[in-house]
Protein backbone atom coordinates (compact mmCIF):
# COMPACT_ATOMS: atom_id res chain seq x y z
CA MET A 1 122.24 117.28 85.85
CA LYS A 2 118.89 116.80 84.12
CA LEU A 3 116.61 113.83 84.59
CA GLY A 4 117.00 112.92 80.93
CA ASP A 5 120.77 112.64 81.37
CA CYS A 6 120.61 109.84 83.94
CA THR A 7 117.46 107.94 82.98
CA GLN A 8 115.66 106.15 80.24
CA LEU A 9 112.10 107.50 80.06
CA ILE A 10 109.52 105.22 78.47
CA GLN A 11 106.03 106.44 77.61
CA GLY A 12 103.27 103.92 78.21
CA VAL A 13 101.31 102.54 75.29
CA SER A 14 97.99 103.54 73.77
CA VAL A 15 96.20 100.32 74.65
CA ASN A 16 93.70 100.56 71.79
CA ARG A 17 96.55 100.30 69.29
CA PHE A 18 98.04 97.22 70.95
CA GLU A 19 94.91 95.38 71.99
CA THR A 20 93.52 92.42 70.06
CA CYS A 21 90.33 90.46 70.53
CA ASP A 22 91.75 86.96 70.16
CA LEU A 23 93.70 85.11 72.83
CA ASN A 24 95.88 82.60 71.01
CA GLU A 25 99.49 81.48 70.63
CA ASP A 26 100.44 84.90 69.24
CA SER A 27 98.91 86.93 72.08
CA LEU A 28 98.94 87.27 75.87
CA SER A 29 96.44 88.43 78.47
CA VAL A 30 97.95 91.11 80.72
CA ARG A 31 96.68 93.41 83.44
CA LEU A 32 96.85 97.17 83.11
CA LEU A 33 98.40 99.45 85.69
CA THR A 34 95.60 101.71 86.97
CA LEU A 35 95.33 104.63 89.36
CA LYS A 36 94.07 102.17 91.97
CA GLU A 37 97.45 100.45 92.33
CA PHE A 38 99.31 103.72 91.83
CA ASN A 39 97.38 105.62 94.51
CA GLU A 40 97.47 102.71 96.95
CA THR A 41 101.26 102.72 96.68
CA LEU A 42 101.38 106.39 97.64
CA GLY A 43 98.74 106.06 100.35
CA LEU A 44 96.29 108.23 98.39
CA SER A 45 92.55 107.72 98.23
CA TYR A 46 90.96 106.16 95.19
CA ARG A 47 87.39 107.31 94.62
CA MET A 48 86.19 105.09 91.80
CA SER A 49 83.48 102.86 93.27
CA GLN A 50 83.96 100.15 90.66
CA GLU A 51 87.08 99.47 88.61
CA ARG A 52 86.51 98.60 84.98
CA SER A 53 88.13 95.47 83.60
CA THR A 54 91.91 95.78 83.54
CA GLU A 55 92.60 92.62 81.55
CA VAL A 56 93.66 93.20 77.95
CA VAL A 57 94.91 90.86 75.25
CA ILE A 58 98.10 92.05 73.56
CA ARG A 59 100.08 90.64 70.65
CA LYS A 60 103.31 89.04 71.90
CA ASP A 61 105.47 90.84 69.36
CA LYS A 62 104.23 94.20 70.70
CA LEU A 63 104.85 93.43 74.35
CA THR A 64 108.32 94.14 75.79
CA ALA A 65 109.66 94.23 79.34
CA ASP A 66 110.10 98.01 79.08
CA LEU A 67 106.31 98.38 78.94
CA LEU A 68 105.72 96.46 82.18
CA THR A 69 106.05 97.60 85.77
CA ASP A 70 108.93 96.26 87.87
CA THR A 71 110.79 96.90 91.12
CA THR A 72 113.79 98.62 89.51
CA SER A 73 111.99 101.67 88.10
CA LEU A 74 109.74 104.53 89.10
CA ILE A 75 106.38 105.23 87.51
CA TRP A 76 105.30 108.82 86.83
CA HIS A 77 101.61 109.62 86.32
CA THR A 78 101.38 112.49 83.86
CA LEU A 79 98.04 113.85 85.08
CA THR A 80 98.51 113.81 88.86
CA GLN A 81 102.23 114.56 88.34
CA LYS A 82 103.13 112.09 91.07
CA VAL A 83 105.83 109.41 91.14
CA ALA A 84 105.48 105.95 92.68
CA TYR A 85 107.92 103.18 93.50
CA LEU A 86 105.63 100.21 93.00
CA PRO A 87 106.03 97.14 95.23
CA ALA A 88 106.62 93.65 93.82
CA ILE A 89 102.93 92.81 94.13
CA HIS A 90 102.27 95.31 91.32
CA SER A 91 105.04 94.09 89.00
CA GLY A 92 104.25 92.90 85.49
CA LEU A 93 101.41 95.35 84.81
CA LEU A 94 101.13 96.98 81.40
CA ILE A 95 101.84 100.72 81.44
CA SER A 96 99.31 102.83 79.53
CA ASN A 97 100.03 106.22 77.97
CA ASN A 98 99.06 108.16 81.12
CA PHE A 99 102.17 106.76 82.78
CA ILE A 100 105.89 107.12 82.11
CA LYS A 101 108.44 104.56 83.27
CA VAL A 102 111.62 106.08 84.74
CA GLN A 103 114.67 103.79 84.59
CA PHE A 104 117.88 105.20 86.10
CA THR A 105 121.10 104.35 84.31
CA ASP A 106 123.24 104.64 87.48
CA PRO A 107 122.70 103.08 90.92
CA VAL A 108 120.21 105.14 92.95
CA ASP A 109 117.94 104.64 95.93
CA LEU A 110 114.40 104.56 94.56
CA TRP A 111 112.79 105.21 97.94
CA PHE A 112 114.74 108.46 98.13
CA LEU A 113 113.94 109.34 94.51
CA GLU A 114 110.22 108.78 95.05
CA TRP A 115 110.27 111.28 97.91
CA TYR A 116 112.63 113.69 96.14
CA LEU A 117 110.59 113.90 92.94
CA ASN A 118 107.27 114.14 94.79
CA GLU A 119 108.15 116.47 97.63
CA HIS A 120 111.29 118.53 97.10
CA PRO A 121 110.42 122.23 96.55
CA THR A 122 112.86 122.73 93.67
CA ILE A 123 111.35 119.80 91.76
CA GLN A 124 107.80 120.97 92.44
CA LYS A 125 108.68 124.48 91.27
CA GLN A 126 109.99 123.10 87.99
CA ILE A 127 106.90 120.95 87.48
CA ALA A 128 104.65 123.95 88.17
CA SER A 129 106.51 125.97 85.53
CA PHE A 130 105.77 123.30 82.92
CA SER A 131 102.06 123.60 83.68
CA GLU A 132 101.75 127.38 83.33
CA GLY A 133 99.09 128.40 80.85
CA SER A 134 97.74 124.87 80.47
CA VAL A 135 94.02 124.21 80.86
CA ILE A 136 94.73 120.57 81.75
CA SER A 137 97.87 120.10 83.79
CA SER A 138 99.74 117.18 82.24
CA LEU A 139 103.44 116.42 82.12
CA LYS A 140 105.01 115.45 78.82
CA LEU A 141 108.06 113.28 78.23
CA SER A 142 110.02 116.34 77.10
CA HIS A 143 109.15 118.09 80.36
CA LEU A 144 110.52 115.27 82.48
CA LYS A 145 113.78 115.18 80.54
CA ASP A 146 114.40 118.82 81.43
CA ILE A 147 113.89 118.51 85.19
CA GLY A 148 117.11 119.49 86.95
CA LEU A 149 118.41 117.20 89.69
CA VAL A 150 120.95 117.65 92.47
CA LEU A 151 121.49 114.16 93.86
CA PRO A 152 123.52 113.31 96.96
CA SER A 153 125.85 110.32 97.04
CA LEU A 154 124.32 106.86 96.92
CA GLU A 155 125.16 106.33 100.59
CA LYS A 156 123.28 109.49 101.57
CA GLN A 157 120.40 108.55 99.26
CA GLN A 158 120.08 105.21 101.03
CA PHE A 159 120.09 106.88 104.44
CA LEU A 160 117.46 109.43 103.37
CA GLY A 161 115.51 106.72 101.59
CA LYS A 162 115.09 104.82 104.86
CA ILE A 163 113.74 107.98 106.49
CA ALA A 164 111.36 108.46 103.56
CA GLN A 165 110.12 104.87 103.98
CA LEU A 166 109.47 105.43 107.69
CA LYS A 167 107.67 108.69 106.98
CA LYS A 168 105.48 107.02 104.37
CA ARG A 169 104.73 104.11 106.69
CA LYS A 170 103.80 106.49 109.51
CA ILE A 171 101.44 108.46 107.27
CA MET A 172 99.73 105.26 106.10
CA LEU A 173 99.35 104.00 109.69
CA MET A 174 97.91 107.34 110.80
CA LYS A 175 95.46 107.25 107.90
CA GLU A 176 94.47 103.69 108.79
CA LYS A 177 94.00 104.73 112.43
CA MET A 178 91.75 107.63 111.42
CA GLU A 179 89.66 105.35 109.18
CA LEU A 180 89.24 102.84 112.01
CA GLN A 181 88.28 105.62 114.43
CA GLN A 182 85.74 106.90 111.90
CA GLN A 183 84.27 103.42 111.52
CA TYR A 184 84.07 103.07 115.32
CA LEU A 185 82.30 106.42 115.69
CA ASP A 186 79.87 105.58 112.88
CA GLN A 187 79.03 102.23 114.46
CA SER A 188 78.60 103.91 117.86
CA LEU A 189 76.18 106.43 116.38
CA ILE A 190 74.23 103.69 114.59
CA HIS A 191 74.07 101.65 117.79
CA THR A 192 72.88 104.67 119.78
CA ILE A 193 70.13 105.44 117.24
CA GLU A 194 68.97 101.82 117.30
CA LEU A 195 68.93 101.83 121.11
CA LEU A 196 66.89 105.06 121.22
CA ASN A 197 64.44 103.67 118.66
CA THR A 198 64.05 100.48 120.68
CA ARG A 199 63.34 102.46 123.86
CA ARG A 200 60.85 104.69 122.02
CA ASN A 201 59.01 101.68 120.62
CA LYS A 202 58.79 100.10 124.06
CA HIS A 203 57.44 103.37 125.46
CA ASP A 204 54.87 103.69 122.67
CA ASN A 205 53.67 100.13 123.21
CA LYS A 206 52.90 100.70 126.88
């Protein structure tokens, strides 16, 4: 079975074509989905020091539910080639053209699918084959449709999905622990330097 056989794949919009300058009764102000929310969901670092404005004004007749994030779909980032199951806190964000919304037509466990599409060797091998010969590695909608899937039963997906959740949670906690340890060590070094400087000043003033 191919991914295109069991999903509806929706390319995000080119915001410049949809955006308008006027906020009125015919338009709405919406937030864009950015790599910040996407990476945070996957526990990945986000290196931009300052996020540009993510509020855009869109004509109401151009805005449909299919173009917004929700908790019943996966989001695929075409450049990083990663998939995220966004939490409810990130629902209702406008999907730009660097993202593809993946809506499954049959019941599936999205926690399992997030892990499966991101980590399974057969999926990664297929994705790598799409990128051969490309200067910039970017997945296209046609590529995703051709990805072959071998899915277990829904019951097994749900069981594996719970394991995937625990694994993800453990990785995030370990990352948080390392960051806290790093902060502690940095503060200890700063405190030690300040203490040495204080002692040196006292010695010099004698």
